[in-house]
Amino acid sequence: MKKALPFLAVAFSGFLVYLFDKIWGNSIDWEQFKSFKIGQFLTKNITVGQILIFIALFIALYLIGKRFLIGKNQYYNRKQQKLRNYNNSNIQEAGILMRWQVYFDSYGNPFIADLNAFCTKHDGPPIRFIHNRCPIQGCENSHNRFDEDGMKNAIESDLIDKYNR
Protein backbone atom coordinates (compact mmCIF):
# COMPACT_ATOMS: atom_id res chain seq x y z
CA MET A 1 0.00 0.00 0.00
CA LYS A 2 2.87 2.42 0.77
CA LYS A 3 4.26 1.97 -2.74
CA ALA A 4 0.90 2.78 -4.30
CA LEU A 5 0.45 6.11 -2.48
CA PRO A 6 2.74 8.17 -4.78
CA PHE A 7 0.96 6.84 -7.86
CA LEU A 8 -2.43 7.60 -6.36
CA ALA A 9 -1.28 11.12 -5.45
CA VAL A 10 -0.13 11.80 -9.03
CA ALA A 11 -3.37 10.42 -10.43
CA PHE A 12 -5.46 12.50 -8.04
CA SER A 13 -3.52 15.69 -8.85
CA GLY A 14 -4.02 15.00 -12.58
CA PHE A 15 -7.73 14.64 -11.96
CA LEU A 16 -7.76 17.96 -10.08
CA VAL A 17 -6.00 19.70 -13.00
CA TYR A 18 -8.57 18.25 -15.42
CA LEU A 19 -11.41 19.35 -13.14
CA PHE A 20 -9.95 22.86 -12.79
CA ASP A 21 -9.61 23.18 -16.57
CA LYS A 22 -13.22 22.07 -17.15
CA ILE A 23 -14.66 24.42 -14.53
CA TRP A 24 -12.54 27.59 -14.85
CA GLY A 25 -10.47 26.95 -17.98
CA ASN A 26 -12.72 28.90 -20.37
CA SER A 27 -12.91 31.96 -18.14
CA ILE A 28 -9.12 32.46 -17.98
CA ASP A 29 -7.37 34.44 -20.71
CA TRP A 30 -4.44 32.08 -21.24
CA GLU A 31 -2.67 34.38 -23.74
CA GLN A 32 -2.49 37.17 -21.16
CA PHE A 33 -1.35 34.63 -18.56
CA LYS A 34 1.44 33.37 -20.85
CA SER A 35 2.60 36.92 -21.62
CA PHE A 36 3.05 37.80 -17.95
CA LYS A 37 6.63 38.65 -17.15
CA ILE A 38 8.05 38.68 -13.64
CA GLY A 39 10.16 41.73 -14.50
CA GLN A 40 7.06 43.83 -15.10
CA PHE A 41 5.70 42.78 -11.72
CA LEU A 42 8.92 43.72 -9.94
CA THR A 43 9.09 47.18 -11.52
CA LYS A 44 5.63 48.25 -10.33
CA ASN A 45 5.60 51.31 -8.11
CA ILE A 46 4.79 50.26 -4.57
CA THR A 47 4.42 52.96 -1.95
CA VAL A 48 5.59 52.80 1.64
CA GLY A 49 1.98 53.05 2.76
CA GLN A 50 1.07 49.91 0.84
CA ILE A 51 3.98 48.06 2.42
CA LEU A 52 2.94 49.22 5.91
CA ILE A 53 -0.67 48.16 5.28
CA PHE A 54 0.55 44.75 4.07
CA ILE A 55 2.73 44.30 7.16
CA ALA A 56 -0.09 45.39 9.50
CA LEU A 57 -2.53 42.97 7.86
CA PHE A 58 0.02 40.16 8.02
CA ILE A 59 0.66 40.77 11.74
CA ALA A 60 -3.07 40.98 12.46
CA LEU A 61 -3.76 37.71 10.65
CA TYR A 62 -0.83 36.05 12.41
CA LEU A 63 -2.04 37.14 15.86
CA ILE A 64 -5.61 36.09 15.14
CA GLY A 65 -4.44 32.72 13.88
CA LYS A 66 -2.17 32.25 16.85
CA ARG A 67 -4.96 33.17 19.26
CA PHE A 68 -7.58 30.85 17.79
CA LEU A 69 -5.53 27.96 16.43
CA ILE A 70 -2.63 27.64 18.84
CA GLY A 71 -4.30 29.06 21.96
CA LYS A 72 -7.00 26.38 22.03
CA ASN A 73 -4.48 23.54 22.27
CA GLN A 74 -3.19 24.62 25.67
CA TYR A 75 -4.42 22.55 28.56
CA TYR A 76 -4.03 25.29 31.18
CA ASN A 77 -5.38 28.82 30.92
CA ARG A 78 -3.16 31.88 31.36
CA LYS A 79 -3.87 32.24 35.09
CA GLN A 80 -3.10 28.58 35.70
CA GLN A 81 0.09 28.79 33.63
CA LYS A 82 1.25 31.73 35.75
CA LEU A 83 0.52 29.79 38.92
CA ARG A 84 2.36 26.72 37.59
CA ASN A 85 5.48 28.87 37.23
CA TYR A 86 5.41 29.41 40.99
CA ASN A 87 7.11 26.11 41.73
CA ASN A 88 9.90 26.76 44.24
CA SER A 89 10.66 28.64 47.42
CA ASN A 90 13.95 29.40 49.14
CA ILE A 91 13.92 29.83 52.92
CA GLN A 92 17.15 31.74 53.51
CA GLU A 93 17.10 31.58 57.33
CA ALA A 94 16.82 27.79 57.44
CA GLY A 95 18.92 27.16 54.32
CA ILE A 96 16.19 25.11 52.65
CA LEU A 97 15.17 25.21 48.99
CA MET A 98 11.81 23.62 48.16
CA ARG A 99 10.61 22.61 44.71
CA TRP A 100 7.24 21.22 43.65
CA GLN A 101 4.87 20.80 40.72
CA VAL A 102 1.52 22.59 40.58
CA TYR A 103 -1.53 20.73 39.27
CA PHE A 104 -5.28 21.40 39.29
CA ASP A 105 -8.11 19.12 40.36
CA SER A 106 -11.32 18.66 38.38
CA TYR A 107 -12.82 21.75 40.07
CA GLY A 108 -9.85 23.94 39.11
CA ASN A 109 -8.36 24.14 42.60
CA PRO A 110 -4.56 24.08 42.70
CA PHE A 111 -2.59 21.46 44.60
CA ILE A 112 1.06 20.48 44.68
CA ALA A 113 2.82 17.21 44.07
CA ASP A 114 6.41 16.06 44.15
CA LEU A 115 7.50 18.32 47.01
CA ASN A 116 11.28 18.06 47.37
CA ALA A 117 13.45 19.83 49.92
CA PHE A 118 17.13 20.67 49.40
CA CYS A 119 19.79 21.90 51.83
CA THR A 120 21.55 25.07 50.68
CA LYS A 121 23.91 25.46 53.65
CA HIS A 122 26.77 23.74 51.78
CA ASP A 123 29.07 24.87 48.98
CA GLY A 124 28.07 23.73 45.53
CA PRO A 125 24.64 22.70 44.34
CA PRO A 126 21.78 22.14 46.80
CA ILE A 127 21.67 18.66 48.35
CA ARG A 128 18.37 16.77 48.36
CA PHE A 129 16.96 15.82 51.77
CA ILE A 130 16.82 12.11 52.59
CA HIS A 131 14.14 11.06 55.08
CA ASN A 132 13.25 14.74 55.60
CA ARG A 133 16.80 15.63 56.72
CA CYS A 134 20.05 16.78 55.20
CA PRO A 135 22.27 13.73 54.53
CA ILE A 136 25.48 15.58 55.53
CA GLN A 137 26.47 14.75 59.12
CA GLY A 138 27.07 17.80 61.29
CA CYS A 139 24.78 20.06 59.25
CA GLU A 140 22.16 21.99 61.20
CA ASN A 141 19.48 20.64 58.84
CA SER A 142 20.52 17.03 59.56
CA HIS A 143 19.44 17.47 63.20
CA ASN A 144 16.14 19.23 62.50
CA ARG A 145 13.44 17.13 60.87
CA PHE A 146 11.60 18.79 57.95
CA ASP A 147 7.79 18.73 58.35
CA GLU A 148 6.73 17.82 54.81
CA ASP A 149 2.97 17.68 55.47
CA GLY A 150 2.93 21.04 57.23
CA MET A 151 5.00 22.66 54.50
CA LYS A 152 2.78 21.14 51.79
CA ASN A 153 -0.30 22.54 53.53
CA ALA A 154 1.29 26.01 53.79
CA ILE A 155 2.29 26.01 50.11
CA GLU A 156 -1.14 24.86 48.93
CA SER A 157 -2.80 27.54 51.08
CA ASP A 158 -0.54 30.14 49.48
CA LEU A 159 -1.36 28.77 46.01
CA ILE A 160 -5.10 28.96 46.61
CA ASP A 161 -4.69 32.53 47.89
CA LYS A 162 -2.73 33.52 44.76
CA TYR A 163 -5.21 31.73 42.50
CA ASN A 164 -8.23 33.51 43.98
CA ARG A 165 -6.71 37.00 43.64
C-alpha atoms as a PDB file:
ATOM      1  CA  MET A   1       0.000   0.000   0.000  1.00  0.00           C
ATOM      2  CA  LYS A   2       2.867   2.416   0.774  1.00  0.00           C
ATOM      3  CA  LYS A   3       4.261   1.975  -2.743  1.00  0.00           C
ATOM      4  CA  ALA A   4       0.896   2.781  -4.299  1.00  0.00           C
ATOM      5  CA  LEU A   5       0.448   6.111  -2.478  1.00  0.00           C
ATOM      6  CA  PRO A   6       2.735   8.169  -4.782  1.00  0.00           C
ATOM      7  CA  PHE A   7       0.958   6.844  -7.861  1.00  0.00           C
ATOM      8  CA  LEU A   8      -2.428   7.601  -6.355  1.00  0.00           C
ATOM      9  CA  ALA A   9      -1.275  11.120  -5.446  1.00  0.00           C
ATOM     10  CA  VAL A  10      -0.127  11.802  -9.026  1.00  0.00           C
ATOM     11  CA  ALA A  11      -3.372  10.422 -10.435  1.00  0.00           C
ATOM     12  CA  PHE A  12      -5.457  12.503  -8.043  1.00  0.00           C
ATOM     13  CA  SER A  13      -3.518  15.687  -8.851  1.00  0.00           C
ATOM     14  CA  GLY A  14      -4.023  15.001 -12.581  1.00  0.00           C
ATOM     15  CA  PHE A  15      -7.732  14.638 -11.965  1.00  0.00           C
ATOM     16  CA  LEU A  16      -7.756  17.960 -10.078  1.00  0.00           C
ATOM     17  CA  VAL A  17      -6.004  19.698 -13.004  1.00  0.00           C
ATOM     18  CA  TYR A  18      -8.572  18.248 -15.421  1.00  0.00           C
ATOM     19  CA  LEU A  19     -11.411  19.347 -13.138  1.00  0.00           C
ATOM     20  CA  PHE A  20      -9.953  22.863 -12.793  1.00  0.00           C
ATOM     21  CA  ASP A  21      -9.608  23.175 -16.570  1.00  0.00           C
ATOM     22  CA  LYS A  22     -13.218  22.067 -17.152  1.00  0.00           C
ATOM     23  CA  ILE A  23     -14.665  24.423 -14.532  1.00  0.00           C
ATOM     24  CA  TRP A  24     -12.539  27.588 -14.855  1.00  0.00           C
ATOM     25  CA  GLY A  25     -10.472  26.952 -17.979  1.00  0.00           C
ATOM     26  CA  ASN A  26     -12.721  28.896 -20.375  1.00  0.00           C
ATOM     27  CA  SER A  27     -12.911  31.961 -18.135  1.00  0.00           C
ATOM     28  CA  ILE A  28      -9.120  32.460 -17.977  1.00  0.00           C
ATOM     29  CA  ASP A  29      -7.366  34.436 -20.706  1.00  0.00           C
ATOM     30  CA  TRP A  30      -4.442  32.083 -21.243  1.00  0.00           C
ATOM     31  CA  GLU A  31      -2.672  34.384 -23.737  1.00  0.00           C
ATOM     32  CA  GLN A  32      -2.487  37.166 -21.159  1.00  0.00           C
ATOM     33  CA  PHE A  33      -1.353  34.633 -18.560  1.00  0.00           C
ATOM     34  CA  LYS A  34       1.437  33.369 -20.846  1.00  0.00           C
ATOM     35  CA  SER A  35       2.605  36.922 -21.620  1.00  0.00           C
ATOM     36  CA  PHE A  36       3.046  37.796 -17.947  1.00  0.00           C
ATOM     37  CA  LYS A  37       6.630  38.646 -17.149  1.00  0.00           C
ATOM     38  CA  ILE A  38       8.047  38.678 -13.643  1.00  0.00           C
ATOM     39  CA  GLY A  39      10.164  41.733 -14.497  1.00  0.00           C
ATOM     40  CA  GLN A  40       7.062  43.828 -15.099  1.00  0.00           C
ATOM     41  CA  PHE A  41       5.701  42.781 -11.723  1.00  0.00           C
ATOM     42  CA  LEU A  42       8.922  43.716  -9.941  1.00  0.00           C
ATOM     43  CA  THR A  43       9.092  47.184 -11.520  1.00  0.00           C
ATOM     44  CA  LYS A  44       5.627  48.249 -10.334  1.00  0.00           C
ATOM     45  CA  ASN A  45       5.597  51.309  -8.108  1.00  0.00           C
ATOM     46  CA  ILE A  46       4.791  50.256  -4.568  1.00  0.00           C
ATOM     47  CA  THR A  47       4.423  52.960  -1.947  1.00  0.00           C
ATOM     48  CA  VAL A  48       5.593  52.803   1.643  1.00  0.00           C
ATOM     49  CA  GLY A  49       1.979  53.045   2.764  1.00  0.00           C
ATOM     50  CA  GLN A  50       1.067  49.906   0.838  1.00  0.00           C
ATOM     51  CA  ILE A  51       3.983  48.064   2.420  1.00  0.00           C
ATOM     52  CA  LEU A  52       2.936  49.216   5.910  1.00  0.00           C
ATOM     53  CA  ILE A  53      -0.667  48.160   5.275  1.00  0.00           C
ATOM     54  CA  PHE A  54       0.551  44.746   4.073  1.00  0.00           C
ATOM     55  CA  ILE A  55       2.734  44.295   7.160  1.00  0.00           C
ATOM     56  CA  ALA A  56      -0.086  45.386   9.498  1.00  0.00           C
ATOM     57  CA  LEU A  57      -2.531  42.970   7.861  1.00  0.00           C
ATOM     58  CA  PHE A  58       0.018  40.163   8.019  1.00  0.00           C
ATOM     59  CA  ILE A  59       0.665  40.766  11.737  1.00  0.00           C
ATOM     60  CA  ALA A  60      -3.068  40.982  12.463  1.00  0.00           C
ATOM     61  CA  LEU A  61      -3.761  37.708  10.647  1.00  0.00           C
ATOM     62  CA  TYR A  62      -0.830  36.052  12.407  1.00  0.00           C
ATOM     63  CA  LEU A  63      -2.040  37.137  15.861  1.00  0.00           C
ATOM     64  CA  ILE A  64      -5.615  36.093  15.139  1.00  0.00           C
ATOM     65  CA  GLY A  65      -4.443  32.717  13.877  1.00  0.00           C
ATOM     66  CA  LYS A  66      -2.173  32.246  16.851  1.00  0.00           C
ATOM     67  CA  ARG A  67      -4.957  33.169  19.258  1.00  0.00           C
ATOM     68  CA  PHE A  68      -7.580  30.849  17.793  1.00  0.00           C
ATOM     69  CA  LEU A  69      -5.527  27.961  16.426  1.00  0.00           C
ATOM     70  CA  ILE A  70      -2.634  27.642  18.845  1.00  0.00           C
ATOM     71  CA  GLY A  71      -4.300  29.057  21.957  1.00  0.00           C
ATOM     72  CA  LYS A  72      -6.998  26.383  22.025  1.00  0.00           C
ATOM     73  CA  ASN A  73      -4.482  23.544  22.270  1.00  0.00           C
ATOM     74  CA  GLN A  74      -3.189  24.617  25.668  1.00  0.00           C
ATOM     75  CA  TYR A  75      -4.420  22.546  28.563  1.00  0.00           C
ATOM     76  CA  TYR A  76      -4.025  25.293  31.183  1.00  0.00           C
ATOM     77  CA  ASN A  77      -5.384  28.822  30.922  1.00  0.00           C
ATOM     78  CA  ARG A  78      -3.165  31.878  31.365  1.00  0.00           C
ATOM     79  CA  LYS A  79      -3.867  32.245  35.088  1.00  0.00           C
ATOM     80  CA  GLN A  80      -3.100  28.581  35.700  1.00  0.00           C
ATOM     81  CA  GLN A  81       0.094  28.793  33.627  1.00  0.00           C
ATOM     82  CA  LYS A  82       1.252  31.729  35.747  1.00  0.00           C
ATOM     83  CA  LEU A  83       0.518  29.785  38.924  1.00  0.00           C
ATOM     84  CA  ARG A  84       2.360  26.716  37.588  1.00  0.00           C
ATOM     85  CA  ASN A  85       5.481  28.866  37.231  1.00  0.00           C
ATOM     86  CA  TYR A  86       5.406  29.415  40.990  1.00  0.00           C
ATOM     87  CA  ASN A  87       7.107  26.110  41.727  1.00  0.00           C
ATOM     88  CA  ASN A  88       9.903  26.763  44.238  1.00  0.00           C
ATOM     89  CA  SER A  89      10.664  28.641  47.416  1.00  0.00           C
ATOM     90  CA  ASN A  90      13.948  29.398  49.135  1.00  0.00           C
ATOM     91  CA  ILE A  91      13.917  29.827  52.919  1.00  0.00           C
ATOM     92  CA  GLN A  92      17.147  31.743  53.510  1.00  0.00           C
ATOM     93  CA  GLU A  93      17.104  31.578  57.332  1.00  0.00           C
ATOM     94  CA  ALA A  94      16.821  27.786  57.436  1.00  0.00           C
ATOM     95  CA  GLY A  95      18.922  27.159  54.324  1.00  0.00           C
ATOM     96  CA  ILE A  96      16.191  25.111  52.645  1.00  0.00           C
ATOM     97  CA  LEU A  97      15.169  25.206  48.991  1.00  0.00           C
ATOM     98  CA  MET A  98      11.808  23.623  48.158  1.00  0.00           C
ATOM     99  CA  ARG A  99      10.606  22.610  44.708  1.00  0.00           C
ATOM    100  CA  TRP A 100       7.242  21.219  43.648  1.00  0.00           C
ATOM    101  CA  GLN A 101       4.873  20.797  40.720  1.00  0.00           C
ATOM    102  CA  VAL A 102       1.519  22.590  40.582  1.00  0.00           C
ATOM    103  CA  TYR A 103      -1.532  20.731  39.269  1.00  0.00           C
ATOM    104  CA  PHE A 104      -5.276  21.401  39.287  1.00  0.00           C
ATOM    105  CA  ASP A 105      -8.108  19.120  40.362  1.00  0.00           C
ATOM    106  CA  SER A 106     -11.323  18.664  38.383  1.00  0.00           C
ATOM    107  CA  TYR A 107     -12.821  21.749  40.073  1.00  0.00           C
ATOM    108  CA  GLY A 108      -9.850  23.936  39.109  1.00  0.00           C
ATOM    109  CA  ASN A 109      -8.355  24.144  42.601  1.00  0.00           C
ATOM    110  CA  PRO A 110      -4.557  24.084  42.699  1.00  0.00           C
ATOM    111  CA  PHE A 111      -2.587  21.458  44.596  1.00  0.00           C
ATOM    112  CA  ILE A 112       1.063  20.481  44.679  1.00  0.00           C
ATOM    113  CA  ALA A 113       2.816  17.209  44.069  1.00  0.00           C
ATOM    114  CA  ASP A 114       6.414  16.056  44.153  1.00  0.00           C
ATOM    115  CA  LEU A 115       7.496  18.320  47.009  1.00  0.00           C
ATOM    116  CA  ASN A 116      11.279  18.065  47.369  1.00  0.00           C
ATOM    117  CA  ALA A 117      13.453  19.833  49.918  1.00  0.00           C
ATOM    118  CA  PHE A 118      17.133  20.666  49.396  1.00  0.00           C
ATOM    119  CA  CYS A 119      19.785  21.897  51.827  1.00  0.00           C
ATOM    120  CA  THR A 120      21.552  25.072  50.678  1.00  0.00           C
ATOM    121  CA  LYS A 121      23.914  25.458  53.646  1.00  0.00           C
ATOM    122  CA  HIS A 122      26.773  23.743  51.785  1.00  0.00           C
ATOM    123  CA  ASP A 123      29.067  24.866  48.985  1.00  0.00           C
ATOM    124  CA  GLY A 124      28.072  23.733  45.533  1.00  0.00           C
ATOM    125  CA  PRO A 125      24.642  22.695  44.338  1.00  0.00           C
ATOM    126  CA  PRO A 126      21.782  22.141  46.805  1.00  0.00           C
ATOM    127  CA  ILE A 127      21.669  18.657  48.353  1.00  0.00           C
ATOM    128  CA  ARG A 128      18.365  16.768  48.364  1.00  0.00           C
ATOM    129  CA  PHE A 129      16.964  15.824  51.768  1.00  0.00           C
ATOM    130  CA  ILE A 130      16.816  12.115  52.586  1.00  0.00           C
ATOM    131  CA  HIS A 131      14.136  11.060  55.078  1.00  0.00           C
ATOM    132  CA  ASN A 132      13.252  14.740  55.603  1.00  0.00           C
ATOM    133  CA  ARG A 133      16.804  15.632  56.717  1.00  0.00           C
ATOM    134  CA  CYS A 134      20.050  16.780  55.195  1.00  0.00           C
ATOM    135  CA  PRO A 135      22.266  13.734  54.526  1.00  0.00           C
ATOM    136  CA  ILE A 136      25.485  15.578  55.528  1.00  0.00           C
ATOM    137  CA  GLN A 137      26.465  14.750  59.117  1.00  0.00           C
ATOM    138  CA  GLY A 138      27.070  17.801  61.294  1.00  0.00           C
ATOM    139  CA  CYS A 139      24.785  20.061  59.255  1.00  0.00           C
ATOM    140  CA  GLU A 140      22.164  21.989  61.196  1.00  0.00           C
ATOM    141  CA  ASN A 141      19.476  20.637  58.843  1.00  0.00           C
ATOM    142  CA  SER A 142      20.525  17.034  59.556  1.00  0.00           C
ATOM    143  CA  HIS A 143      19.438  17.468  63.197  1.00  0.00           C
ATOM    144  CA  ASN A 144      16.137  19.231  62.504  1.00  0.00           C
ATOM    145  CA  ARG A 145      13.443  17.131  60.868  1.00  0.00           C
ATOM    146  CA  PHE A 146      11.604  18.787  57.954  1.00  0.00           C
ATOM    147  CA  ASP A 147       7.795  18.732  58.347  1.00  0.00           C
ATOM    148  CA  GLU A 148       6.732  17.822  54.813  1.00  0.00           C
ATOM    149  CA  ASP A 149       2.973  17.683  55.474  1.00  0.00           C
ATOM    150  CA  GLY A 150       2.928  21.040  57.234  1.00  0.00           C
ATOM    151  CA  MET A 151       5.000  22.658  54.497  1.00  0.00           C
ATOM    152  CA  LYS A 152       2.778  21.141  51.792  1.00  0.00           C
ATOM    153  CA  ASN A 153      -0.300  22.539  53.535  1.00  0.00           C
ATOM    154  CA  ALA A 154       1.289  26.006  53.787  1.00  0.00           C
ATOM    155  CA  ILE A 155       2.292  26.010  50.107  1.00  0.00           C
ATOM    156  CA  GLU A 156      -1.139  24.858  48.932  1.00  0.00           C
ATOM    157  CA  SER A 157      -2.799  27.544  51.084  1.00  0.00           C
ATOM    158  CA  ASP A 158      -0.537  30.138  49.476  1.00  0.00           C
ATOM    159  CA  LEU A 159      -1.365  28.771  46.006  1.00  0.00           C
ATOM    160  CA  ILE A 160      -5.098  28.963  46.610  1.00  0.00           C
ATOM    161  CA  ASP A 161      -4.694  32.532  47.885  1.00  0.00           C
ATOM    162  CA  LYS A 162      -2.730  33.524  44.757  1.00  0.00           C
ATOM    163  CA  TYR A 163      -5.213  31.735  42.501  1.00  0.00           C
ATOM    164  CA  ASN A 164      -8.230  33.511  43.982  1.00  0.00           C
ATOM    165  CA  ARG A 165      -6.715  36.996  43.635  1.00  0.00           C
END
